[in-house]
C-alpha atoms as a PDB file:
ATOM      1  CA  MET A   1     -20.681   1.773 -12.109  1.00  0.00           C
ATOM      2  CA  PRO A   2     -20.716  -2.165 -12.240  1.00  0.00           C
ATOM      3  CA  ARG A   3     -21.228  -3.716  -8.776  1.00  0.00           C
ATOM      4  CA  LEU A   4     -18.927  -6.429  -8.271  1.00  0.00           C
ATOM      5  CA  SER A   5     -19.665 -10.079  -6.994  1.00  0.00           C
ATOM      6  CA  GLY A   6     -18.918 -13.560  -6.870  1.00  0.00           C
ATOM      7  CA  VAL A   7     -14.819 -14.978  -5.956  1.00  0.00           C
ATOM      8  CA  ILE A   8     -12.595 -12.044  -5.745  1.00  0.00           C
ATOM      9  CA  ALA A   9      -9.038 -12.661  -5.348  1.00  0.00           C
ATOM     10  CA  ALA A  10      -7.166 -10.541  -2.966  1.00  0.00           C
ATOM     11  CA  ALA A  11      -4.077 -10.572  -5.281  1.00  0.00           C
ATOM     12  CA  ALA A  12      -0.426 -11.221  -4.010  1.00  0.00           C
ATOM     13  CA  THR A  13       2.125  -8.223  -5.523  1.00  0.00           C
ATOM     14  CA  PRO A  14       5.498  -9.973  -6.879  1.00  0.00           C
ATOM     15  CA  LEU A  15       8.545  -7.760  -5.920  1.00  0.00           C
ATOM     16  CA  ARG A  16      11.936  -7.647  -7.589  1.00  0.00           C
ATOM     17  CA  ASP A  17      15.139  -7.869  -5.752  1.00  0.00           C
ATOM     18  CA  ASP A  18      14.957  -4.428  -4.677  1.00  0.00           C
ATOM     19  CA  LEU A  19      11.670  -4.899  -3.337  1.00  0.00           C
ATOM     20  CA  SER A  20      10.121  -2.917  -5.649  1.00  0.00           C
ATOM     21  CA  ILE A  21       6.830  -3.933  -7.713  1.00  0.00           C
ATOM     22  CA  ASP A  22       7.358  -6.092 -10.755  1.00  0.00           C
ATOM     23  CA  HIS A  23       4.489  -4.743 -12.869  1.00  0.00           C
ATOM     24  CA  ALA A  24       4.524  -7.278 -15.533  1.00  0.00           C
ATOM     25  CA  LYS A  25       4.374  -9.958 -13.244  1.00  0.00           C
ATOM     26  CA  LEU A  26       1.424  -8.475 -11.312  1.00  0.00           C
ATOM     27  CA  VAL A  27      -0.338  -7.823 -14.753  1.00  0.00           C
ATOM     28  CA  ALA A  28       0.209 -11.581 -16.054  1.00  0.00           C
ATOM     29  CA  HIS A  29      -1.004 -12.938 -12.790  1.00  0.00           C
ATOM     30  CA  CYS A  30      -4.070 -10.631 -12.149  1.00  0.00           C
ATOM     31  CA  ARG A  31      -4.584 -11.698 -16.158  1.00  0.00           C
ATOM     32  CA  TRP A  32      -4.127 -15.842 -14.918  1.00  0.00           C
ATOM     33  CA  LEU A  33      -6.496 -14.629 -11.832  1.00  0.00           C
ATOM     34  CA  LEU A  34      -9.096 -14.103 -14.140  1.00  0.00           C
ATOM     35  CA  GLY A  35      -8.666 -16.986 -16.499  1.00  0.00           C
ATOM     36  CA  ASP A  36      -7.514 -20.195 -15.208  1.00  0.00           C
ATOM     37  CA  GLY A  37      -7.531 -18.858 -11.979  1.00  0.00           C
ATOM     38  CA  GLY A  38     -11.232 -19.036 -11.721  1.00  0.00           C
ATOM     39  CA  CYS A  39     -11.999 -15.936 -10.136  1.00  0.00           C
ATOM     40  CA  ASP A  40     -14.807 -13.320 -11.019  1.00  0.00           C
ATOM     41  CA  ALA A  41     -12.800 -10.239 -10.214  1.00  0.00           C
ATOM     42  CA  VAL A  42      -9.452  -9.047  -8.432  1.00  0.00           C
ATOM     43  CA  ASN A  43      -8.835  -6.856  -5.287  1.00  0.00           C
ATOM     44  CA  LEU A  44      -5.020  -5.113  -6.346  1.00  0.00           C
ATOM     45  CA  LEU A  45      -3.330  -3.850  -3.209  1.00  0.00           C
ATOM     46  CA  GLY A  46      -5.064  -5.064  -0.142  1.00  0.00           C
ATOM     47  CA  THR A  47      -3.483  -6.865   3.249  1.00  0.00           C
ATOM     48  CA  THR A  48      -2.502  -9.919   1.014  1.00  0.00           C
ATOM     49  CA  GLY A  49      -1.133  -7.522  -1.513  1.00  0.00           C
ATOM     50  CA  GLU A  50       0.955  -5.927   1.062  1.00  0.00           C
ATOM     51  CA  ALA A  51      -0.075  -2.366   0.191  1.00  0.00           C
ATOM     52  CA  THR A  52       0.532  -0.594   3.452  1.00  0.00           C
ATOM     53  CA  SER A  53       4.383  -2.275   2.875  1.00  0.00           C
ATOM     54  CA  PHE A  54       4.216   0.379  -0.135  1.00  0.00           C
ATOM     55  CA  SER A  55       4.791   4.164  -0.805  1.00  0.00           C
ATOM     56  CA  ILE A  56       1.843   5.684  -2.270  1.00  0.00           C
ATOM     57  CA  GLU A  57       3.890   6.465  -5.296  1.00  0.00           C
ATOM     58  CA  GLN A  58       4.679   2.643  -5.423  1.00  0.00           C
ATOM     59  CA  ARG A  59       0.847   2.196  -5.604  1.00  0.00           C
ATOM     60  CA  LEU A  60       0.104   4.066  -7.890  1.00  0.00           C
ATOM     61  CA  ALA A  61       2.227   3.124  -9.973  1.00  0.00           C
ATOM     62  CA  ALA A  62       1.084  -0.541  -9.695  1.00  0.00           C
ATOM     63  CA  MET A  63      -2.351   0.733 -10.233  1.00  0.00           C
ATOM     64  CA  ARG A  64      -1.491   2.876 -13.534  1.00  0.00           C
ATOM     65  CA  ALA A  65       0.384  -0.749 -14.533  1.00  0.00           C
ATOM     66  CA  VAL A  66      -2.930  -2.980 -14.408  1.00  0.00           C
ATOM     67  CA  ALA A  67      -4.995  -0.156 -15.768  1.00  0.00           C
ATOM     68  CA  GLU A  68      -2.830   0.695 -18.670  1.00  0.00           C
ATOM     69  CA  SER A  69      -2.454  -3.093 -19.203  1.00  0.00           C
ATOM     70  CA  GLY A  70      -6.122  -3.843 -21.366  1.00  0.00           C
ATOM     71  CA  LEU A  71      -7.037  -5.752 -18.399  1.00  0.00           C
ATOM     72  CA  PRO A  72     -10.708  -5.576 -17.998  1.00  0.00           C
ATOM     73  CA  MET A  73     -11.210  -2.815 -14.743  1.00  0.00           C
ATOM     74  CA  HIS A  74     -14.950  -3.518 -14.474  1.00  0.00           C
ATOM     75  CA  ARG A  75     -13.601  -6.409 -12.699  1.00  0.00           C
ATOM     76  CA  PHE A  76     -11.165  -4.986  -9.888  1.00  0.00           C
ATOM     77  CA  MET A  77     -11.210  -3.158  -6.784  1.00  0.00           C
ATOM     78  CA  VAL A  78      -8.219  -1.746  -5.516  1.00  0.00           C
ATOM     79  CA  GLY A  79      -7.159  -0.866  -1.956  1.00  0.00           C
ATOM     80  CA  THR A  80      -7.265   2.864  -1.724  1.00  0.00           C
ATOM     81  CA  GLY A  81      -7.058   3.025   2.677  1.00  0.00           C
ATOM     82  CA  ALA A  82      -3.920   5.197   4.324  1.00  0.00           C
ATOM     83  CA  SER A  83      -3.423   6.580   7.618  1.00  0.00           C
ATOM     84  CA  ALA A  84      -3.426  10.063   6.224  1.00  0.00           C
ATOM     85  CA  LEU A  85      -6.695  11.511   4.905  1.00  0.00           C
ATOM     86  CA  ALA A  86      -4.643  13.349   2.139  1.00  0.00           C
ATOM     87  CA  ASP A  87      -3.191   9.998   1.035  1.00  0.00           C
ATOM     88  CA  ALA A  88      -6.432   7.995   1.137  1.00  0.00           C
ATOM     89  CA  VAL A  89      -8.310  10.593  -1.153  1.00  0.00           C
ATOM     90  CA  ARG A  90      -5.406  10.597  -3.523  1.00  0.00           C
ATOM     91  CA  LEU A  91      -5.677   6.807  -4.187  1.00  0.00           C
ATOM     92  CA  THR A  92      -9.335   6.830  -3.922  1.00  0.00           C
ATOM     93  CA  ALA A  93      -9.076   9.742  -6.211  1.00  0.00           C
ATOM     94  CA  GLU A  94      -7.074   7.983  -8.923  1.00  0.00           C
ATOM     95  CA  ALA A  95      -8.925   4.566  -8.724  1.00  0.00           C
ATOM     96  CA  LYS A  96     -11.644   6.617 -10.363  1.00  0.00           C
ATOM     97  CA  ALA A  97     -10.349   8.252 -12.716  1.00  0.00           C
ATOM     98  CA  LEU A  98      -8.310   4.810 -13.620  1.00  0.00           C
ATOM     99  CA  GLY A  99     -11.517   3.290 -14.113  1.00  0.00           C
ATOM    100  CA  PHE A 100     -11.694   0.425 -11.145  1.00  0.00           C
ATOM    101  CA  ALA A 101     -14.760  -0.136 -10.289  1.00  0.00           C
ATOM    102  CA  GLY A 102     -13.982  -0.158  -6.400  1.00  0.00           C
ATOM    103  CA  ALA A 103     -11.904   1.607  -4.110  1.00  0.00           C
ATOM    104  CA  LEU A 104     -11.472  -0.132  -0.769  1.00  0.00           C
ATOM    105  CA  LEU A 105     -11.253   1.921   2.073  1.00  0.00           C
ATOM    106  CA  LEU A 106      -9.425   0.687   5.369  1.00  0.00           C
ATOM    107  CA  PRO A 107     -10.608   3.317   8.069  1.00  0.00           C
ATOM    108  CA  PRO A 108      -7.996   5.700   9.908  1.00  0.00           C
ATOM    109  CA  PHE A 109      -6.112   2.941  11.564  1.00  0.00           C
ATOM    110  CA  TYR A 110      -3.600   5.482  13.627  1.00  0.00           C
ATOM    111  CA  TYR A 111      -5.908   6.592  16.489  1.00  0.00           C
ATOM    112  CA  LYS A 112      -7.868   4.191  18.371  1.00  0.00           C
ATOM    113  CA  GLY A 113     -11.007   4.757  20.405  1.00  0.00           C
ATOM    114  CA  ILE A 114     -12.556   7.056  17.293  1.00  0.00           C
ATOM    115  CA  ASP A 115     -16.107   7.605  17.940  1.00  0.00           C
ATOM    116  CA  ASP A 116     -18.648   6.743  15.632  1.00  0.00           C
ATOM    117  CA  GLU A 117     -19.767  10.017  14.202  1.00  0.00           C
ATOM    118  CA  SER A 118     -15.703  11.188  13.750  1.00  0.00           C
ATOM    119  CA  LEU A 119     -15.683   7.623  11.575  1.00  0.00           C
ATOM    120  CA  ALA A 120     -18.529   8.560   9.479  1.00  0.00           C
ATOM    121  CA  ALA A 121     -17.068  11.950   8.720  1.00  0.00           C
ATOM    122  CA  TYR A 122     -13.916  10.640   7.473  1.00  0.00           C
ATOM    123  CA  VAL A 123     -15.468   8.696   4.932  1.00  0.00           C
ATOM    124  CA  ASP A 124     -17.940  11.814   4.195  1.00  0.00           C
ATOM    125  CA  ALA A 125     -14.583  14.015   3.507  1.00  0.00           C
ATOM    126  CA  VAL A 126     -13.351  11.221   1.506  1.00  0.00           C
ATOM    127  CA  ILE A 127     -16.209  10.787  -0.735  1.00  0.00           C
ATOM    128  CA  GLU A 128     -16.533  14.679  -0.734  1.00  0.00           C
ATOM    129  CA  ARG A 129     -13.381  15.480  -2.012  1.00  0.00           C
ATOM    130  CA  THR A 130     -12.680  12.621  -4.781  1.00  0.00           C
ATOM    131  CA  GLY A 131     -16.520  11.959  -6.333  1.00  0.00           C
ATOM    132  CA  ALA A 132     -15.955   8.599  -5.237  1.00  0.00           C
ATOM    133  CA  GLU A 133     -18.359   5.868  -6.767  1.00  0.00           C
ATOM    134  CA  GLY A 134     -18.244   2.115  -5.907  1.00  0.00           C
ATOM    135  CA  LEU A 135     -16.687   2.737  -2.423  1.00  0.00           C
ATOM    136  CA  TYR A 136     -16.069  -0.368  -0.209  1.00  0.00           C
ATOM    137  CA  LEU A 137     -15.048   0.091   3.612  1.00  0.00           C
ATOM    138  CA  TYR A 138     -12.304  -2.701   4.947  1.00  0.00           C
ATOM    139  CA  HIS A 139     -13.460  -4.556   8.072  1.00  0.00           C
ATOM    140  CA  ILE A 140     -10.110  -5.838   9.795  1.00  0.00           C
ATOM    141  CA  PRO A 141     -10.171  -4.715  13.324  1.00  0.00           C
ATOM    142  CA  GLN A 142      -7.466  -7.371  14.245  1.00  0.00           C
ATOM    143  CA  SER A 143      -5.040  -5.515  12.165  1.00  0.00           C
ATOM    144  CA  THR A 144      -6.159  -2.036  12.290  1.00  0.00           C
ATOM    145  CA  GLY A 145      -7.830  -1.950  15.979  1.00  0.00           C
ATOM    146  CA  VAL A 146     -10.362   0.213  14.313  1.00  0.00           C
ATOM    147  CA  PRO A 147     -13.405  -1.605  13.376  1.00  0.00           C
ATOM    148  CA  TRP A 148     -15.969  -0.589  11.194  1.00  0.00           C
ATOM    149  CA  PRO A 149     -19.622  -0.510  13.522  1.00  0.00           C
ATOM    150  CA  ILE A 150     -23.087  -1.889  11.825  1.00  0.00           C
ATOM    151  CA  GLU A 151     -24.370   1.669  12.846  1.00  0.00           C
ATOM    152  CA  VAL A 152     -21.791   3.696  10.807  1.00  0.00           C
ATOM    153  CA  VAL A 153     -21.997   1.391   7.802  1.00  0.00           C
ATOM    154  CA  ALA A 154     -25.755   1.593   7.942  1.00  0.00           C
ATOM    155  CA  THR A 155     -25.649   5.641   8.601  1.00  0.00           C
ATOM    156  CA  LEU A 156     -23.137   5.951   5.399  1.00  0.00           C
ATOM    157  CA  ALA A 157     -25.058   3.665   3.219  1.00  0.00           C
ATOM    158  CA  GLU A 158     -28.010   6.458   4.201  1.00  0.00           C
ATOM    159  CA  ARG A 159     -25.882   9.321   3.844  1.00  0.00           C
ATOM    160  CA  HIS A 160     -24.370   8.311   0.224  1.00  0.00           C
ATOM    161  CA  PRO A 161     -26.719   5.916  -1.296  1.00  0.00           C
ATOM    162  CA  GLY A 162     -25.048   4.457  -4.852  1.00  0.00           C
ATOM    163  CA  THR A 163     -21.436   5.245  -3.703  1.00  0.00           C
ATOM    164  CA  LEU A 164     -21.525   2.840  -0.314  1.00  0.00           C
ATOM    165  CA  ALA A 165     -21.023  -0.069  -2.793  1.00  0.00           C
ATOM    166  CA  GLY A 166     -20.441  -2.261   0.105  1.00  0.00           C
ATOM    167  CA  LEU A 167     -18.096  -3.774   2.825  1.00  0.00           C
ATOM    168  CA  LYS A 168     -14.878  -6.325   2.746  1.00  0.00           C
ATOM    169  CA  ASP A 169     -15.128  -8.040   6.322  1.00  0.00           C
ATOM    170  CA  SER A 170     -11.835  -9.636   7.177  1.00  0.00           C
ATOM    171  CA  SER A 171     -12.371 -10.085  10.709  1.00  0.00           C
ATOM    172  CA  GLY A 172     -13.696 -13.757  10.698  1.00  0.00           C
ATOM    173  CA  ASP A 173     -16.768 -13.316  12.374  1.00  0.00           C
ATOM    174  CA  ILE A 174     -19.514 -14.617  10.130  1.00  0.00           C
ATOM    175  CA  ALA A 175     -22.615 -13.108  12.528  1.00  0.00           C
ATOM    176  CA  TYR A 176     -20.928  -9.395  11.866  1.00  0.00           C
ATOM    177  CA  SER A 177     -21.202 -10.052   8.010  1.00  0.00           C
ATOM    178  CA  THR A 178     -24.838 -11.996   8.579  1.00  0.00           C
ATOM    179  CA  ASP A 179     -25.971  -8.969  10.833  1.00  0.00           C
ATOM    180  CA  LEU A 180     -24.386  -6.486   8.622  1.00  0.00           C
ATOM    181  CA  ALA A 181     -26.314  -8.087   5.121  1.00  0.00           C
ATOM    182  CA  LYS A 182     -29.472  -8.340   7.170  1.00  0.00           C
ATOM    183  CA  ARG A 183     -29.053  -4.747   8.718  1.00  0.00           C
ATOM    184  CA  VAL A 184     -27.997  -2.855   5.309  1.00  0.00           C
ATOM    185  CA  PRO A 185     -29.508  -4.733   2.717  1.00  0.00           C
ATOM    186  CA  GLY A 186     -28.533  -2.034  -0.068  1.00  0.00           C
ATOM    187  CA  ILE A 187     -24.933  -2.789   0.532  1.00  0.00           C
ATOM    188  CA  ALA A 188     -22.684  -5.885  -1.216  1.00  0.00           C
ATOM    189  CA  VAL A 189     -20.985  -7.565   1.784  1.00  0.00           C
ATOM    190  CA  PHE A 190     -18.086  -9.920   1.404  1.00  0.00           C
ATOM    191  CA  PRO A 191     -16.711 -12.122   3.725  1.00  0.00           C
ATOM    192  CA  SER A 192     -12.693 -13.379   3.688  1.00  0.00           C
ATOM    193  CA  SER A 193     -13.502 -17.292   3.286  1.00  0.00           C
ATOM    194  CA  GLU A 194     -14.534 -19.206   0.720  1.00  0.00           C
ATOM    195  CA  ALA A 195     -16.047 -21.524   3.234  1.00  0.00           C
ATOM    196  CA  THR A 196     -18.904 -19.065   3.334  1.00  0.00           C
ATOM    197  CA  LEU A 197     -19.862 -19.662  -0.174  1.00  0.00           C
ATOM    198  CA  GLY A 198     -22.071 -22.466   0.784  1.00  0.00           C
ATOM    199  CA  LEU A 199     -23.763 -19.358   3.305  1.00  0.00           C
ATOM    200  CA  ALA A 200     -24.110 -16.632   0.733  1.00  0.00           C
ATOM    201  CA  LYS A 201     -27.551 -17.142  -0.712  1.00  0.00           C
ATOM    202  CA  ASP A 202     -29.324 -17.822   2.452  1.00  0.00           C
ATOM    203  CA  ARG A 203     -27.313 -15.149   4.074  1.00  0.00           C
ATOM    204  CA  GLY A 204     -27.324 -12.157   1.550  1.00  0.00           C
ATOM    205  CA  PHE A 205     -23.555 -12.222   0.887  1.00  0.00           C
ATOM    206  CA  ALA A 206     -22.306 -11.094  -2.771  1.00  0.00           C
ATOM    207  CA  GLY A 207     -19.576 -13.565  -2.778  1.00  0.00           C
ATOM    208  CA  CYS A 208     -16.045 -13.741  -0.797  1.00  0.00           C
ATOM    209  CA  ILE A 209     -12.657 -11.506  -1.329  1.00  0.00           C
ATOM    210  CA  SER A 210      -9.713 -14.408  -0.124  1.00  0.00           C
ATOM    211  CA  ALA A 211      -6.108 -14.060  -0.002  1.00  0.00           C
ATOM    212  CA  THR A 212      -6.315 -18.095  -0.309  1.00  0.00           C
ATOM    213  CA  THR A 213      -8.406 -17.727  -3.734  1.00  0.00           C
ATOM    214  CA  ASN A 214      -4.979 -16.617  -5.436  1.00  0.00           C
ATOM    215  CA  ILE A 215      -5.040 -20.875  -4.855  1.00  0.00           C
ATOM    216  CA  THR A 216      -8.493 -22.100  -4.600  1.00  0.00           C
ATOM    217  CA  GLY A 217     -10.370 -20.001  -7.425  1.00  0.00           C
ATOM    218  CA  PRO A 218     -11.137 -23.193  -9.560  1.00  0.00           C
ATOM    219  CA  LEU A 219     -13.076 -24.485  -6.496  1.00  0.00           C
ATOM    220  CA  ALA A 220     -14.348 -21.498  -5.791  1.00  0.00           C
ATOM    221  CA  ARG A 221     -15.746 -20.545  -8.972  1.00  0.00           C
ATOM    222  CA  ILE A 222     -17.491 -24.016  -8.799  1.00  0.00           C
ATOM    223  CA  ALA A 223     -18.563 -23.150  -5.278  1.00  0.00           C
ATOM    224  CA  TRP A 224     -20.097 -19.641  -6.194  1.00  0.00           C
ATOM    225  CA  HIS A 225     -21.607 -20.610  -9.468  1.00  0.00           C
ATOM    226  CA  GLN A 226     -22.992 -23.770  -9.339  1.00  0.00           C
ATOM    227  CA  ALA A 227     -24.394 -23.282  -5.694  1.00  0.00           C
ATOM    228  CA  GLY A 228     -27.236 -25.460  -4.012  1.00  0.00           C
ATOM    229  CA  THR A 229     -25.629 -28.374  -5.778  1.00  0.00           C
ATOM    230  CA  PRO A 230     -23.769 -31.476  -4.705  1.00  0.00           C
ATOM    231  CA  ALA A 231     -20.768 -29.736  -6.617  1.00  0.00           C
ATOM    232  CA  ALA A 232     -20.712 -26.914  -5.162  1.00  0.00           C
ATOM    233  CA  GLU A 233     -21.100 -28.834  -1.699  1.00  0.00           C
ATOM    234  CA  ALA A 234     -17.884 -30.391  -2.743  1.00  0.00           C
ATOM    235  CA  ALA A 235     -15.956 -27.449  -3.812  1.00  0.00           C
ATOM    236  CA  VAL A 236     -16.555 -25.305  -0.649  1.00  0.00           C
ATOM    237  CA  ALA A 237     -15.082 -28.436   1.515  1.00  0.00           C
ATOM    238  CA  ALA A 238     -12.005 -28.929  -0.778  1.00  0.00           C
ATOM    239  CA  ALA A 239     -10.961 -25.278  -0.716  1.00  0.00           C
ATOM    240  CA  GLY A 240     -11.667 -25.182   2.726  1.00  0.00           C
ATOM    241  CA  ALA A 241      -9.384 -27.885   3.045  1.00  0.00           C
ATOM    242  CA  VAL A 242      -6.699 -26.107   1.021  1.00  0.00           C
ATOM    243  CA  ARG A 243      -7.442 -22.964   2.950  1.00  0.00           C
ATOM    244  CA  ALA A 244      -6.860 -24.401   5.984  1.00  0.00           C
ATOM    245  CA  ALA A 245      -3.161 -25.924   4.629  1.00  0.00           C
ATOM    246  CA  LEU A 246      -2.080 -22.802   3.544  1.00  0.00           C
ATOM    247  CA  SER A 247      -2.612 -21.438   7.451  1.00  0.00           C
ATOM    248  CA  THR A 248      -0.460 -23.555   8.679  1.00  0.00           C
ATOM    249  CA  VAL A 249       1.724 -21.289   8.147  1.00  0.00           C
ATOM    250  CA  THR A 250       1.977 -17.815   7.904  1.00  0.00           C
ATOM    251  CA  LEU A 251      -0.819 -16.809   5.293  1.00  0.00           C
ATOM    252  CA  VAL A 252       0.761 -14.206   3.167  1.00  0.00           C
ATOM    253  CA  ALA A 253       4.107 -16.264   2.908  1.00  0.00           C
ATOM    254  CA  ALA A 254       2.454 -19.514   2.349  1.00  0.00           C
ATOM    255  CA  VAL A 255       0.111 -17.883  -0.865  1.00  0.00           C
ATOM    256  CA  LYS A 256       3.423 -16.154  -2.208  1.00  0.00           C
ATOM    257  CA  ASP A 257       5.141 -19.364  -1.860  1.00  0.00           C
ATOM    258  CA  THR A 258       2.300 -21.410  -3.745  1.00  0.00           C
ATOM    259  CA  LEU A 259       1.860 -19.234  -6.268  1.00  0.00           C
ATOM    260  CA  ALA A 260       6.049 -19.588  -6.828  1.00  0.00           C
ATOM    261  CA  GLU A 261       5.148 -23.160  -7.275  1.00  0.00           C
ATOM    262  CA  ILE A 262       2.198 -22.533  -9.680  1.00  0.00           C
ATOM    263  CA  HIS A 263       3.928 -20.037 -11.903  1.00  0.00           C
ATOM    264  CA  GLY A 264       7.263 -21.721 -12.160  1.00  0.00           C
ATOM    265  CA  ASP A 265       8.705 -18.745 -10.420  1.00  0.00           C
ATOM    266  CA  PRO A 266      10.870 -18.547  -7.250  1.00  0.00           C
ATOM    267  CA  SER A 267      10.752 -14.801  -7.370  1.00  0.00           C
ATOM    268  CA  TRP A 268       7.291 -15.056  -5.842  1.00  0.00           C
ATOM    269  CA  ARG A 269       8.481 -16.425  -3.020  1.00  0.00           C
ATOM    270  CA  ARG A 270       9.857 -12.727  -1.797  1.00  0.00           C
ATOM    271  CA  PRO A 271       7.515 -10.754   0.457  1.00  0.00           C
ATOM    272  CA  HIS A 272       8.093  -6.705   1.691  1.00  0.00           C
ATOM    273  CA  PRO A 273       9.843  -6.341   4.996  1.00  0.00           C
ATOM    274  CA  PRO A 274       8.906  -6.710   7.703  1.00  0.00           C
ATOM    275  CA  LEU A 275       7.261 -10.089   6.848  1.00  0.00           C
ATOM    276  CA  ARG A 276       9.721 -12.910   5.524  1.00  0.00           C
ATOM    277  CA  PRO A 277       9.735 -15.787   3.352  1.00  0.00           C
ATOM    278  CA  LEU A 278       8.998 -19.164   4.589  1.00  0.00           C
ATOM    279  CA  THR A 279      11.693 -21.093   6.243  1.00  0.00           C
ATOM    280  CA  GLU A 280      12.567 -24.406   4.539  1.00  0.00           C
ATOM    281  CA  ALA A 281      10.891 -26.148   7.529  1.00  0.00           C
ATOM    282  CA  GLU A 282       7.809 -23.969   7.229  1.00  0.00           C
ATOM    283  CA  ARG A 283       7.756 -24.835   3.185  1.00  0.00           C
ATOM    284  CA  ARG A 284       7.817 -28.789   4.149  1.00  0.00           C
ATOM    285  CA  THR A 285       5.234 -28.188   6.492  1.00  0.00           C
ATOM    286  CA  LEU A 286       3.209 -26.358   4.389  1.00  0.00           C
ATOM    287  CA  GLY A 287       4.240 -28.916   0.904  1.00  0.00           C
ATOM    288  CA  ASP A 288       2.908 -31.801   3.706  1.00  0.00           C
ATOM    289  CA  ALA A 289      -0.474 -30.137   4.366  1.00  0.00           C
ATOM    290  CA  LEU A 290      -1.293 -29.355   0.471  1.00  0.00           C
ATOM    291  CA  ALA A 291       0.279 -32.653  -0.633  1.00  0.00           C
ATOM    292  CA  LYS A 292      -3.511 -33.961   1.452  1.00  0.00           C
ATOM    293  CA  THR A 293      -5.900 -31.710  -0.310  1.00  0.00           C
ATOM    294  CA  GLU A 294      -7.030 -30.794  -4.012  1.00  0.00           C
ATOM    295  CA  TYR A 295      -4.238 -28.593  -4.740  1.00  0.00           C
ATOM    296  CA  PRO A 296      -2.200 -31.559  -6.333  1.00  0.00           C
ATOM    297  CA  ARG A 297      -4.723 -32.496  -8.624  1.00  0.00           C
ATOM    298  CA  LEU A 298      -5.797 -28.410  -9.788  1.00  0.00           C
ATOM    299  CA  PHE A 299      -2.333 -27.812 -10.573  1.00  0.00           C
ATOM    300  CA  GLY A 300      -0.685 -30.655 -11.474  1.00  0.00           C
ATOM    301  CA  ARG A 301       1.525 -31.289  -8.585  1.00  0.00           C
END
């Protein structure tokens, strides 16, 4: 099973008027991300991709559409986390069958205060029932309320060598990522911000998985592939400025609104409830912020 690394976009998901996933536009966007979008790989159906707003059948259909598109599946991971074990097992098994290079697993996020051994046993069950390969844990405690403690990750890495491939850290806590990479060196650690790419080699990170690389991919590519050069340092700063601009309003809506401009398609602005599109005032705020960054030069705006 190939290991993922480098600049990975947490891909946004385009929707039709009826809030179903537009498979053709999703495939086209993923193809763009891997080409002119500057990304080494794609994380399909994560938080930015609004995965938990879709039914299991909708998620499976999107996974199949991408797998059947001719895109290089060794450059894709897909979110397979769900509150019910049976749903997580079904999604993870299908990810393996379709040839995804990785399955990104949320913790069981409804019940809080889960003890370490119970968390580890949950992952044991997913692996035993699916024969999963390339399993990545998704650490986003501000959304799930359930963290992946480093001790649990270390236990799982010991129990499942070669199967537990890594962890995406969307907590924003660089100390957590740094400590994890040091204490569990056999797995790939991906912080969620392009700003960490300048630290990656010193701290043992495998790259980043970021919502904003839907937009900043060409800059992040320089930051990762030319690491240690003045060009990479400038690219990290430029990508960070674009990320900060996108963060002046609600992030998922900001990413989708900006993709509407890049792709010339207003339907990209449509998120799935309970999320909402940006208001006109928010769009002006976002546009003004992006105008002060490298974004206009990157996309001819």
